[in-house]
Amino acid sequence: MLRERERRGVAPTGPRAGGTTTARALQPAASDDPNERIRQLEARVAELEASERKLATERDILRKAAKYFAGETNW
């Protein structure tokens, strides 16, 4: 994953302390070329959209599991 980010020109986020990252760590590496900056930002947007899809899928699975187990209890 780190190599993929380096290939795209996105700065590595580094180790996470408590599962959070700073806003500065999430920004692409600085570039003087506007086209390069756009390419970096588009790559970051694609990465965030993929992460959003994964989280939405995980959320839906958890909701279905909670519904299943709530219906299975005999309290």
N, C-alpha and C. Protein backbone atom coordinates (compact mmCIF):
# COMPACT_ATOMS: atom_id res chain seq x y z
N MET A 1 0.83 -1.19 0.00
CA MET A 1 0.00 0.00 0.00
C MET A 1 0.87 1.25 0.00
N LEU A 2 1.94 1.24 0.80
CA LEU A 2 2.82 2.40 0.86
C LEU A 2 3.47 2.64 -0.49
N ARG A 3 3.92 1.57 -1.13
CA ARG A 3 4.55 1.72 -2.46
C ARG A 3 3.56 2.27 -3.47
N GLU A 4 2.32 1.84 -3.38
CA GLU A 4 1.29 2.34 -4.29
C GLU A 4 1.10 3.84 -4.10
N ARG A 5 1.08 4.29 -2.86
CA ARG A 5 0.94 5.73 -2.59
C ARG A 5 2.15 6.49 -3.10
N GLU A 6 3.33 5.93 -2.90
CA GLU A 6 4.54 6.60 -3.37
C GLU A 6 4.53 6.69 -4.90
N ARG A 7 4.06 5.63 -5.55
CA ARG A 7 4.00 5.63 -7.01
C ARG A 7 3.06 6.72 -7.51
N ARG A 8 1.95 6.93 -6.79
CA ARG A 8 0.98 7.95 -7.19
C ARG A 8 1.40 9.34 -6.77
N GLY A 9 2.43 9.42 -5.92
CA GLY A 9 2.90 10.73 -5.48
C GLY A 9 2.19 11.26 -4.26
N VAL A 10 1.52 10.40 -3.52
CA VAL A 10 0.83 10.82 -2.31
C VAL A 10 1.75 10.56 -1.14
N ALA A 11 1.87 11.54 -0.25
CA ALA A 11 2.75 11.42 0.91
C ALA A 11 2.24 10.32 1.83
N PRO A 12 3.12 9.52 2.41
CA PRO A 12 2.69 8.49 3.34
C PRO A 12 2.08 9.11 4.59
N THR A 13 1.10 8.42 5.18
CA THR A 13 0.42 8.95 6.35
C THR A 13 1.19 8.67 7.62
N GLY A 14 2.10 7.73 7.61
CA GLY A 14 2.90 7.43 8.79
C GLY A 14 2.10 6.64 9.80
N PRO A 15 2.71 6.32 10.93
CA PRO A 15 2.00 5.54 11.95
C PRO A 15 0.86 6.34 12.57
N ARG A 16 -0.18 5.63 12.90
CA ARG A 16 -1.35 6.28 13.48
C ARG A 16 -1.30 6.15 14.98
N ALA A 17 -1.53 7.26 15.65
CA ALA A 17 -1.57 7.25 17.11
C ALA A 17 -3.03 7.23 17.53
N GLY A 18 -3.48 6.14 18.08
CA GLY A 18 -4.87 6.05 18.51
C GLY A 18 -5.84 5.97 17.36
N GLY A 19 -5.39 5.58 16.18
CA GLY A 19 -6.28 5.42 15.04
C GLY A 19 -6.63 6.71 14.34
N THR A 20 -5.97 7.81 14.68
CA THR A 20 -6.27 9.08 14.03
C THR A 20 -5.04 9.57 13.31
N THR A 21 -5.26 10.37 12.30
CA THR A 21 -4.15 10.98 11.58
C THR A 21 -4.38 12.47 11.52
N THR A 22 -3.34 13.21 11.33
CA THR A 22 -3.48 14.65 11.23
C THR A 22 -3.90 15.01 9.81
N ALA A 23 -4.50 16.16 9.65
CA ALA A 23 -4.92 16.61 8.33
C ALA A 23 -3.72 16.79 7.42
N ARG A 24 -2.60 17.21 7.99
CA ARG A 24 -1.39 17.41 7.20
C ARG A 24 -0.89 16.10 6.61
N ALA A 25 -0.99 15.01 7.34
CA ALA A 25 -0.52 13.71 6.87
C ALA A 25 -1.37 13.19 5.72
N LEU A 26 -2.62 13.63 5.64
CA LEU A 26 -3.50 13.15 4.59
C LEU A 26 -3.37 13.94 3.29
N GLN A 27 -2.65 15.04 3.31
CA GLN A 27 -2.51 15.85 2.12
C GLN A 27 -1.45 15.27 1.20
N PRO A 28 -1.67 15.35 -0.12
CA PRO A 28 -0.66 14.89 -1.06
C PRO A 28 0.61 15.71 -0.94
N ALA A 29 1.72 15.14 -1.39
CA ALA A 29 3.00 15.84 -1.36
C ALA A 29 2.91 17.11 -2.21
N ALA A 30 3.61 18.14 -1.78
CA ALA A 30 3.58 19.42 -2.50
C ALA A 30 4.22 19.27 -3.88
N SER A 31 3.66 19.97 -4.85
CA SER A 31 4.18 19.92 -6.21
C SER A 31 3.98 21.30 -6.85
N ASP A 32 4.95 21.70 -7.66
CA ASP A 32 4.85 22.98 -8.34
C ASP A 32 4.00 22.88 -9.61
N ASP A 33 3.90 21.69 -10.17
CA ASP A 33 3.15 21.48 -11.41
C ASP A 33 1.66 21.31 -11.10
N PRO A 34 0.81 22.20 -11.62
CA PRO A 34 -0.63 22.10 -11.34
C PRO A 34 -1.23 20.78 -11.83
N ASN A 35 -0.77 20.28 -12.97
CA ASN A 35 -1.31 19.01 -13.48
C ASN A 35 -0.95 17.86 -12.56
N GLU A 36 0.26 17.89 -11.99
CA GLU A 36 0.68 16.85 -11.06
C GLU A 36 -0.17 16.93 -9.79
N ARG A 37 -0.43 18.11 -9.33
CA ARG A 37 -1.25 18.31 -8.13
C ARG A 37 -2.66 17.77 -8.37
N ILE A 38 -3.22 18.04 -9.54
CA ILE A 38 -4.56 17.53 -9.87
C ILE A 38 -4.55 16.01 -9.89
N ARG A 39 -3.50 15.42 -10.47
CA ARG A 39 -3.40 13.97 -10.53
C ARG A 39 -3.33 13.38 -9.12
N GLN A 40 -2.58 14.02 -8.25
CA GLN A 40 -2.47 13.55 -6.87
C GLN A 40 -3.81 13.64 -6.14
N LEU A 41 -4.50 14.74 -6.35
CA LEU A 41 -5.80 14.92 -5.69
C LEU A 41 -6.83 13.93 -6.22
N GLU A 42 -6.81 13.67 -7.52
CA GLU A 42 -7.73 12.68 -8.10
C GLU A 42 -7.45 11.30 -7.54
N ALA A 43 -6.17 10.96 -7.36
CA ALA A 43 -5.80 9.67 -6.78
C ALA A 43 -6.32 9.58 -5.34
N ARG A 44 -6.19 10.66 -4.60
CA ARG A 44 -6.65 10.68 -3.21
C ARG A 44 -8.17 10.55 -3.15
N VAL A 45 -8.87 11.22 -4.05
CA VAL A 45 -10.33 11.12 -4.09
C VAL A 45 -10.74 9.67 -4.38
N ALA A 46 -10.08 9.04 -5.33
CA ALA A 46 -10.39 7.65 -5.66
C ALA A 46 -10.14 6.74 -4.45
N GLU A 47 -9.07 7.00 -3.73
CA GLU A 47 -8.76 6.22 -2.54
C GLU A 47 -9.83 6.40 -1.47
N LEU A 48 -10.26 7.62 -1.26
CA LEU A 48 -11.29 7.89 -0.26
C LEU A 48 -12.64 7.30 -0.67
N GLU A 49 -12.97 7.34 -1.96
CA GLU A 49 -14.22 6.75 -2.42
C GLU A 49 -14.22 5.24 -2.22
N ALA A 50 -13.08 4.59 -2.48
CA ALA A 50 -12.98 3.15 -2.26
C ALA A 50 -13.14 2.83 -0.78
N SER A 51 -12.53 3.65 0.07
CA SER A 51 -12.65 3.45 1.51
C SER A 51 -14.10 3.64 1.95
N GLU A 52 -14.76 4.62 1.39
CA GLU A 52 -16.17 4.87 1.73
C GLU A 52 -17.04 3.68 1.35
N ARG A 53 -16.81 3.11 0.16
CA ARG A 53 -17.57 1.93 -0.27
C ARG A 53 -17.34 0.76 0.68
N LYS A 54 -16.09 0.55 1.09
CA LYS A 54 -15.78 -0.54 2.00
C LYS A 54 -16.48 -0.34 3.34
N LEU A 55 -16.43 0.87 3.86
CA LEU A 55 -17.08 1.15 5.14
C LEU A 55 -18.60 0.99 5.05
N ALA A 56 -19.18 1.39 3.94
CA ALA A 56 -20.63 1.25 3.76
C ALA A 56 -21.01 -0.23 3.73
N THR A 57 -20.21 -1.04 3.06
CA THR A 57 -20.46 -2.48 3.00
C THR A 57 -20.36 -3.09 4.40
N GLU A 58 -19.32 -2.72 5.13
CA GLU A 58 -19.15 -3.23 6.49
C GLU A 58 -20.31 -2.81 7.38
N ARG A 59 -20.76 -1.56 7.24
CA ARG A 59 -21.89 -1.07 8.03
C ARG A 59 -23.15 -1.88 7.73
N ASP A 60 -23.40 -2.15 6.44
CA ASP A 60 -24.59 -2.91 6.06
C ASP A 60 -24.54 -4.33 6.61
N ILE A 61 -23.36 -4.95 6.58
CA ILE A 61 -23.21 -6.30 7.13
C ILE A 61 -23.50 -6.29 8.63
N LEU A 62 -22.96 -5.30 9.33
CA LEU A 62 -23.19 -5.22 10.78
C LEU A 62 -24.67 -4.96 11.10
N ARG A 63 -25.32 -4.13 10.31
CA ARG A 63 -26.75 -3.88 10.54
C ARG A 63 -27.56 -5.16 10.35
N LYS A 64 -27.25 -5.92 9.29
CA LYS A 64 -27.97 -7.17 9.03
C LYS A 64 -27.71 -8.18 10.15
N ALA A 65 -26.46 -8.25 10.62
CA ALA A 65 -26.13 -9.17 11.71
C ALA A 65 -26.86 -8.77 12.99
N ALA A 66 -26.90 -7.48 13.28
CA ALA A 66 -27.59 -7.02 14.48
C ALA A 66 -29.08 -7.34 14.40
N LYS A 67 -29.66 -7.15 13.24
CA LYS A 67 -31.08 -7.45 13.04
C LYS A 67 -31.33 -8.95 13.22
N TYR A 68 -30.45 -9.76 12.66
CA TYR A 68 -30.60 -11.21 12.76
C TYR A 68 -30.53 -11.66 14.21
N PHE A 69 -29.50 -11.21 14.92
CA PHE A 69 -29.32 -11.64 16.29
C PHE A 69 -30.38 -11.04 17.24
N ALA A 70 -30.87 -9.87 16.94
CA ALA A 70 -31.94 -9.28 17.75
C ALA A 70 -33.22 -10.08 17.62
N GLY A 71 -33.48 -10.61 16.44
CA GLY A 71 -34.68 -11.41 16.22
C GLY A 71 -34.55 -12.80 16.78
N GLU A 72 -33.34 -13.24 17.03
CA GLU A 72 -33.09 -14.59 17.51
C GLU A 72 -33.15 -14.70 19.03
N THR A 73 -33.07 -13.58 19.72
CA THR A 73 -33.08 -13.62 21.19
C THR A 73 -34.50 -13.85 21.70
N ASN A 74 -34.61 -14.53 22.83
CA ASN A 74 -35.91 -14.82 23.44
C ASN A 74 -35.98 -14.18 24.82
N TRP A 75 -35.81 -12.89 24.92
CA TRP A 75 -35.81 -12.21 26.21
C TRP A 75 -37.19 -11.99 26.65
